[in-house]
């Protein structure tokens, strides 16, 4: 049984203590850094009054990236399925001659 780690993650100048699986630590730390970089980018680009606004913008950006990847993946899968179906139809017509 793997022992859980107690780590501290900093997001938007606040520290969050977490208990995680060792396999999750690297991903959480990378995500924390990515959030902080995005926060700084938004603060430099826009007149933001509140960290809450910046965090909401970050959440929207990350969520939209995930949704777009799922849409792209779904479209690619549908296109591949259609191509395979056409190939299957062609092969069946050739084999039935």
C-alpha atoms as a PDB file:
ATOM      1  CA  UNK A   1       0.000   0.000   0.000  1.00  0.00           C
ATOM      2  CA  UNK A   2       1.444   3.351  -1.059  1.00  0.00           C
ATOM      3  CA  UNK A   3       1.812   5.977   1.624  1.00  0.00           C
ATOM      4  CA  UNK A   4       0.270   9.338   0.817  1.00  0.00           C
ATOM      5  CA  UNK A   5       2.346  12.513   0.731  1.00  0.00           C
ATOM      6  CA  UNK A   6       1.533  15.749   2.498  1.00  0.00           C
ATOM      7  CA  UNK A   7       2.446  18.613   0.197  1.00  0.00           C
ATOM      8  CA  UNK A   8       1.762  22.335   0.021  1.00  0.00           C
ATOM      9  CA  UNK A   9       0.665  23.896  -3.253  1.00  0.00           C
ATOM     10  CA  UNK A  10       0.711  27.644  -3.788  1.00  0.00           C
ATOM     11  CA  UNK A  11      -1.898  29.212  -6.054  1.00  0.00           C
ATOM     12  CA  UNK A  12      -2.450  32.977  -6.311  1.00  0.00           C
ATOM     13  CA  UNK A  13      -0.284  33.676  -3.265  1.00  0.00           C
ATOM     14  CA  UNK A  14      -2.246  31.264  -1.075  1.00  0.00           C
ATOM     15  CA  UNK A  15      -0.925  27.962   0.229  1.00  0.00           C
ATOM     16  CA  UNK A  16      -3.080  24.852   0.115  1.00  0.00           C
ATOM     17  CA  UNK A  17      -2.019  21.776   2.097  1.00  0.00           C
ATOM     18  CA  UNK A  18      -2.906  18.558   0.285  1.00  0.00           C
ATOM     19  CA  UNK A  19      -2.581  14.850   0.946  1.00  0.00           C
ATOM     20  CA  UNK A  20      -1.935  13.072  -2.349  1.00  0.00           C
ATOM     21  CA  UNK A  21      -0.694   9.872  -3.916  1.00  0.00           C
ATOM     22  CA  UNK A  22       3.010  10.085  -4.836  1.00  0.00           C
ATOM     23  CA  UNK A  23       2.057   9.634  -8.502  1.00  0.00           C
ATOM     24  CA  UNK A  24      -0.061  12.819  -8.367  1.00  0.00           C
ATOM     25  CA  UNK A  25       2.564  15.143  -6.889  1.00  0.00           C
ATOM     26  CA  UNK A  26       4.377  16.102 -10.080  1.00  0.00           C
ATOM     27  CA  UNK A  27       1.149  16.812 -11.964  1.00  0.00           C
ATOM     28  CA  UNK A  28      -0.250  18.949  -9.150  1.00  0.00           C
ATOM     29  CA  UNK A  29       2.929  20.987  -8.866  1.00  0.00           C
ATOM     30  CA  UNK A  30       3.035  21.519 -12.645  1.00  0.00           C
ATOM     31  CA  UNK A  31      -0.635  22.543 -12.657  1.00  0.00           C
ATOM     32  CA  UNK A  32       0.001  25.004  -9.818  1.00  0.00           C
ATOM     33  CA  UNK A  33       2.854  26.612 -11.756  1.00  0.00           C
ATOM     34  CA  UNK A  34       0.748  26.782 -14.916  1.00  0.00           C
ATOM     35  CA  UNK A  35      -2.061  28.507 -13.007  1.00  0.00           C
ATOM     36  CA  UNK A  36       0.334  31.067 -11.515  1.00  0.00           C
ATOM     37  CA  UNK A  37       1.877  31.807 -14.928  1.00  0.00           C
ATOM     38  CA  UNK A  38      -1.594  32.277 -16.406  1.00  0.00           C
ATOM     39  CA  UNK A  39      -2.615  34.545 -13.515  1.00  0.00           C
ATOM     40  CA  UNK A  40       0.426  36.759 -14.120  1.00  0.00           C
ATOM     41  CA  UNK A  41      -0.339  36.889 -17.841  1.00  0.00           C
ATOM     42  CA  UNK A  42      -3.938  37.967 -17.205  1.00  0.00           C
ATOM     43  CA  UNK A  43      -2.855  40.553 -14.614  1.00  0.00           C
ATOM     44  CA  UNK A  44      -0.357  42.055 -17.073  1.00  0.00           C
ATOM     45  CA  UNK A  45      -2.777  42.063 -20.005  1.00  0.00           C
ATOM     46  CA  UNK A  46      -6.001  43.230 -18.362  1.00  0.00           C
ATOM     47  CA  UNK A  47      -7.025  45.676 -15.662  1.00  0.00           C
ATOM     48  CA  UNK A  48      -8.063  43.151 -13.059  1.00  0.00           C
ATOM     49  CA  UNK A  49      -9.296  44.324  -9.673  1.00  0.00           C
ATOM     50  CA  UNK A  50      -9.576  41.060  -7.870  1.00  0.00           C
ATOM     51  CA  UNK A  51      -7.786  37.702  -7.697  1.00  0.00           C
ATOM     52  CA  UNK A  52     -11.229  36.054  -7.862  1.00  0.00           C
ATOM     53  CA  UNK A  53     -11.732  37.532 -11.346  1.00  0.00           C
ATOM     54  CA  UNK A  54      -8.322  36.308 -12.487  1.00  0.00           C
ATOM     55  CA  UNK A  55      -8.964  32.830 -11.079  1.00  0.00           C
ATOM     56  CA  UNK A  56     -12.327  32.710 -12.873  1.00  0.00           C
ATOM     57  CA  UNK A  57     -10.622  33.687 -16.137  1.00  0.00           C
ATOM     58  CA  UNK A  58      -7.993  30.968 -15.597  1.00  0.00           C
ATOM     59  CA  UNK A  59     -10.664  28.372 -14.883  1.00  0.00           C
ATOM     60  CA  UNK A  60     -12.538  29.376 -18.032  1.00  0.00           C
ATOM     61  CA  UNK A  61      -9.386  29.190 -20.152  1.00  0.00           C
ATOM     62  CA  UNK A  62      -8.363  25.755 -18.856  1.00  0.00           C
ATOM     63  CA  UNK A  63     -11.896  24.350 -19.112  1.00  0.00           C
ATOM     64  CA  UNK A  64     -12.301  25.649 -22.674  1.00  0.00           C
ATOM     65  CA  UNK A  65      -8.979  24.055 -23.672  1.00  0.00           C
ATOM     66  CA  UNK A  66     -10.183  20.698 -22.353  1.00  0.00           C
ATOM     67  CA  UNK A  67     -13.542  21.042 -24.117  1.00  0.00           C
ATOM     68  CA  UNK A  68     -11.876  22.009 -27.395  1.00  0.00           C
ATOM     69  CA  UNK A  69      -9.579  18.970 -27.208  1.00  0.00           C
ATOM     70  CA  UNK A  70     -12.592  16.714 -26.639  1.00  0.00           C
ATOM     71  CA  UNK A  71     -14.433  18.284 -29.587  1.00  0.00           C
ATOM     72  CA  UNK A  72     -11.374  17.904 -31.823  1.00  0.00           C
ATOM     73  CA  UNK A  73     -10.855  14.316 -30.706  1.00  0.00           C
ATOM     74  CA  UNK A  74     -14.503  13.476 -31.319  1.00  0.00           C
ATOM     75  CA  UNK A  75     -14.401  15.032 -34.787  1.00  0.00           C
ATOM     76  CA  UNK A  76     -11.210  13.154 -35.641  1.00  0.00           C
ATOM     77  CA  UNK A  77     -12.730   9.886 -34.455  1.00  0.00           C
ATOM     78  CA  UNK A  78     -15.904  10.457 -36.499  1.00  0.00           C
ATOM     79  CA  UNK A  79     -13.873  11.277 -39.613  1.00  0.00           C
ATOM     80  CA  UNK A  80     -11.684   8.200 -39.157  1.00  0.00           C
ATOM     81  CA  UNK A  81     -14.759   6.011 -38.684  1.00  0.00           C
ATOM     82  CA  UNK A  82     -16.296   7.363 -41.909  1.00  0.00           C
ATOM     83  CA  UNK A  83     -13.070   6.697 -43.858  1.00  0.00           C
ATOM     84  CA  UNK A  84     -12.882   3.165 -42.472  1.00  0.00           C
ATOM     85  CA  UNK A  85     -16.526   2.560 -43.394  1.00  0.00           C
ATOM     86  CA  UNK A  86     -15.886   3.711 -46.976  1.00  0.00           C
ATOM     87  CA  UNK A  87     -12.831   1.449 -47.230  1.00  0.00           C
ATOM     88  CA  UNK A  88     -14.840  -1.449 -45.851  1.00  0.00           C
ATOM     89  CA  UNK A  89     -17.590  -0.823 -48.414  1.00  0.00           C
ATOM     90  CA  UNK A  90     -15.030  -0.722 -51.239  1.00  0.00           C
ATOM     91  CA  UNK A  91     -13.388  -3.933 -50.067  1.00  0.00           C
ATOM     92  CA  UNK A  92     -16.735  -5.673 -49.773  1.00  0.00           C
ATOM     93  CA  UNK A  93     -17.738  -4.597 -53.287  1.00  0.00           C
ATOM     94  CA  UNK A  94     -14.406  -5.847 -54.702  1.00  0.00           C
ATOM     95  CA  UNK A  95     -14.674  -9.161 -52.873  1.00  0.00           C
ATOM     96  CA  UNK A  96     -18.260  -9.717 -54.041  1.00  0.00           C
ATOM     97  CA  UNK A  97     -17.357  -9.411 -57.742  1.00  0.00           C
END
